[in-house]
Amino acid sequence: QVQLVESGGDLVQAGNSLRLSCVASGNIFSRSSAGWYRHTLGNQRDVVATITSTGTTTYAESVKGRFTISRDNAKNTVALEMNSLKPEDTARYYCQLNESFNWGIRHYWGQGTQVTVSS
């Protein structure tokens, strides 16, 4: 069973930075793609950034140039460096890990970490 634990969320002022971290249990991390999503007040979960098992990254347009996703396979960790934070970045951020099978993909989610950006 894979478990994901996020940390790093906080209340910060606009313009500041935060680093979110997600640690995965189990032994699938190095061969799995991963991502960060956020749940806004509108109750919609949007993708923020993704990273493949080989390190290819994608970003939502709203965070390009400000956020950086990275992974450390030796530590089973995926991180999200967030710079120049804006009030609209306020959300609960979730880590996702994707395990591929012949029949499809199994998604694992963490419990989330709250990021609040004040103006």
Protein backbone atom coordinates (compact mmCIF):
# COMPACT_ATOMS: atom_id res chain seq x y z
CA GLN A 1 0.00 0.00 0.00
CA VAL A 2 1.37 3.40 -1.01
CA GLN A 3 0.92 6.36 1.30
CA LEU A 4 1.73 9.96 0.49
CA VAL A 5 2.41 12.58 3.13
CA GLU A 6 2.58 16.25 2.18
CA SER A 7 4.14 19.03 4.23
CA GLY A 8 5.24 22.62 3.88
CA GLY A 9 1.95 24.48 3.62
CA ASP A 10 1.69 27.74 5.52
CA LEU A 11 0.23 31.24 5.66
CA VAL A 12 2.47 33.68 3.79
CA GLN A 13 2.27 37.15 2.32
CA ALA A 14 2.06 37.71 -1.40
CA GLY A 15 5.45 37.72 -3.07
CA ASN A 16 6.95 35.21 -0.68
CA SER A 17 7.97 31.61 -1.31
CA LEU A 18 7.09 28.17 -0.01
CA ARG A 19 8.42 24.70 -0.63
CA LEU A 20 6.00 21.78 -0.48
CA SER A 21 7.26 18.27 -0.02
CA CYS A 22 5.61 14.89 -0.51
CA VAL A 23 7.10 11.65 0.76
CA ALA A 24 5.88 8.31 -0.57
CA SER A 25 6.01 4.96 1.15
CA GLY A 26 6.48 1.72 -0.73
CA ASN A 27 8.76 0.84 -3.61
CA ILE A 28 7.01 2.20 -6.70
CA PHE A 29 8.12 5.82 -6.51
CA SER A 30 11.08 5.73 -8.91
CA ARG A 31 9.00 4.21 -11.73
CA SER A 32 5.92 6.38 -11.18
CA SER A 33 4.94 9.76 -12.52
CA ALA A 34 3.90 12.31 -9.93
CA GLY A 35 2.15 15.63 -9.69
CA TRP A 36 0.84 18.43 -7.55
CA TYR A 37 -2.80 19.49 -7.68
CA ARG A 38 -4.73 22.12 -5.81
CA HIS A 39 -8.27 22.31 -4.54
CA THR A 40 -9.67 25.79 -4.75
CA LEU A 41 -12.63 27.34 -2.96
CA GLY A 42 -14.72 26.50 -5.99
CA ASN A 43 -14.23 22.87 -5.03
CA GLN A 44 -12.37 22.02 -8.23
CA ARG A 45 -9.10 20.12 -8.20
CA ASP A 46 -6.72 21.55 -10.78
CA VAL A 47 -3.35 20.27 -11.91
CA VAL A 48 -0.45 22.52 -10.90
CA ALA A 49 2.59 20.59 -12.12
CA THR A 50 3.55 17.08 -13.13
CA ILE A 51 6.79 15.18 -13.47
CA THR A 52 7.40 11.87 -15.20
CA SER A 53 9.57 9.07 -13.87
CA THR A 54 12.37 10.37 -16.11
CA GLY A 55 12.00 13.99 -14.99
CA THR A 56 9.98 15.62 -17.75
CA THR A 57 7.85 18.39 -16.27
CA THR A 58 4.65 20.23 -17.19
CA TYR A 59 3.05 23.25 -15.54
CA ALA A 60 -0.27 24.99 -15.47
CA GLU A 61 -0.10 28.30 -17.30
CA SER A 62 -0.91 30.19 -14.13
CA VAL A 63 2.25 28.97 -12.36
CA LYS A 64 4.78 28.81 -15.18
CA GLY A 65 7.93 30.69 -14.29
CA ARG A 66 7.01 30.80 -10.60
CA PHE A 67 6.71 27.15 -9.52
CA THR A 68 9.18 24.31 -9.98
CA ILE A 69 8.46 20.63 -9.48
CA SER A 70 11.29 18.22 -8.75
CA ARG A 71 11.81 14.69 -7.52
CA ASP A 72 14.41 12.79 -5.54
CA ASN A 73 14.04 9.07 -6.20
CA ALA A 74 16.57 8.18 -3.53
CA LYS A 75 14.32 9.83 -0.93
CA ASN A 76 10.94 8.92 -2.49
CA THR A 77 10.16 12.63 -2.52
CA VAL A 78 8.51 15.04 -4.91
CA ALA A 79 8.73 18.75 -4.14
CA LEU A 80 7.07 21.92 -5.36
CA GLU A 81 9.04 25.13 -5.04
CA MET A 82 6.64 28.07 -5.16
CA ASN A 83 7.96 31.59 -5.68
CA SER A 84 6.27 34.95 -6.12
CA LEU A 85 3.13 33.63 -4.49
CA LYS A 86 -0.17 35.35 -5.21
CA PRO A 87 -3.44 35.37 -3.26
CA GLU A 88 -4.99 33.29 -6.05
CA ASP A 89 -2.51 30.51 -5.24
CA THR A 90 -4.41 29.99 -1.99
CA ALA A 91 -5.64 26.39 -1.97
CA ARG A 92 -5.14 22.99 -0.46
CA TYR A 93 -2.33 21.30 -2.38
CA TYR A 94 -2.32 17.57 -3.00
CA CYS A 95 0.42 15.23 -4.12
CA GLN A 96 -0.41 12.48 -6.60
CA LEU A 97 1.54 9.38 -7.60
CA ASN A 98 0.61 7.25 -10.60
CA GLU A 99 1.37 3.55 -10.84
CA SER A 100 1.03 2.05 -14.33
CA PHE A 101 -0.28 -1.43 -15.02
CA ASN A 102 -1.11 -3.29 -18.20
CA TRP A 103 -4.78 -2.59 -17.54
CA GLY A 104 -4.42 1.09 -16.68
CA ILE A 105 -3.17 3.49 -14.04
CA ARG A 106 -3.75 3.54 -10.30
CA HIS A 107 -3.68 6.96 -8.68
CA TYR A 108 -2.56 7.59 -5.11
CA TRP A 109 -3.31 10.81 -3.24
CA GLY A 110 -2.07 12.42 -0.09
CA GLN A 111 -4.20 14.26 2.46
CA GLY A 112 -3.09 17.67 1.29
CA THR A 113 -1.39 20.68 2.79
CA GLN A 114 -2.94 24.14 3.04
CA VAL A 115 -1.33 27.14 1.40
CA THR A 116 -2.78 30.55 2.19
CA VAL A 117 -1.41 33.69 0.57
CA SER A 118 -2.47 37.02 2.00
CA SER A 119 -2.40 40.24 0.03
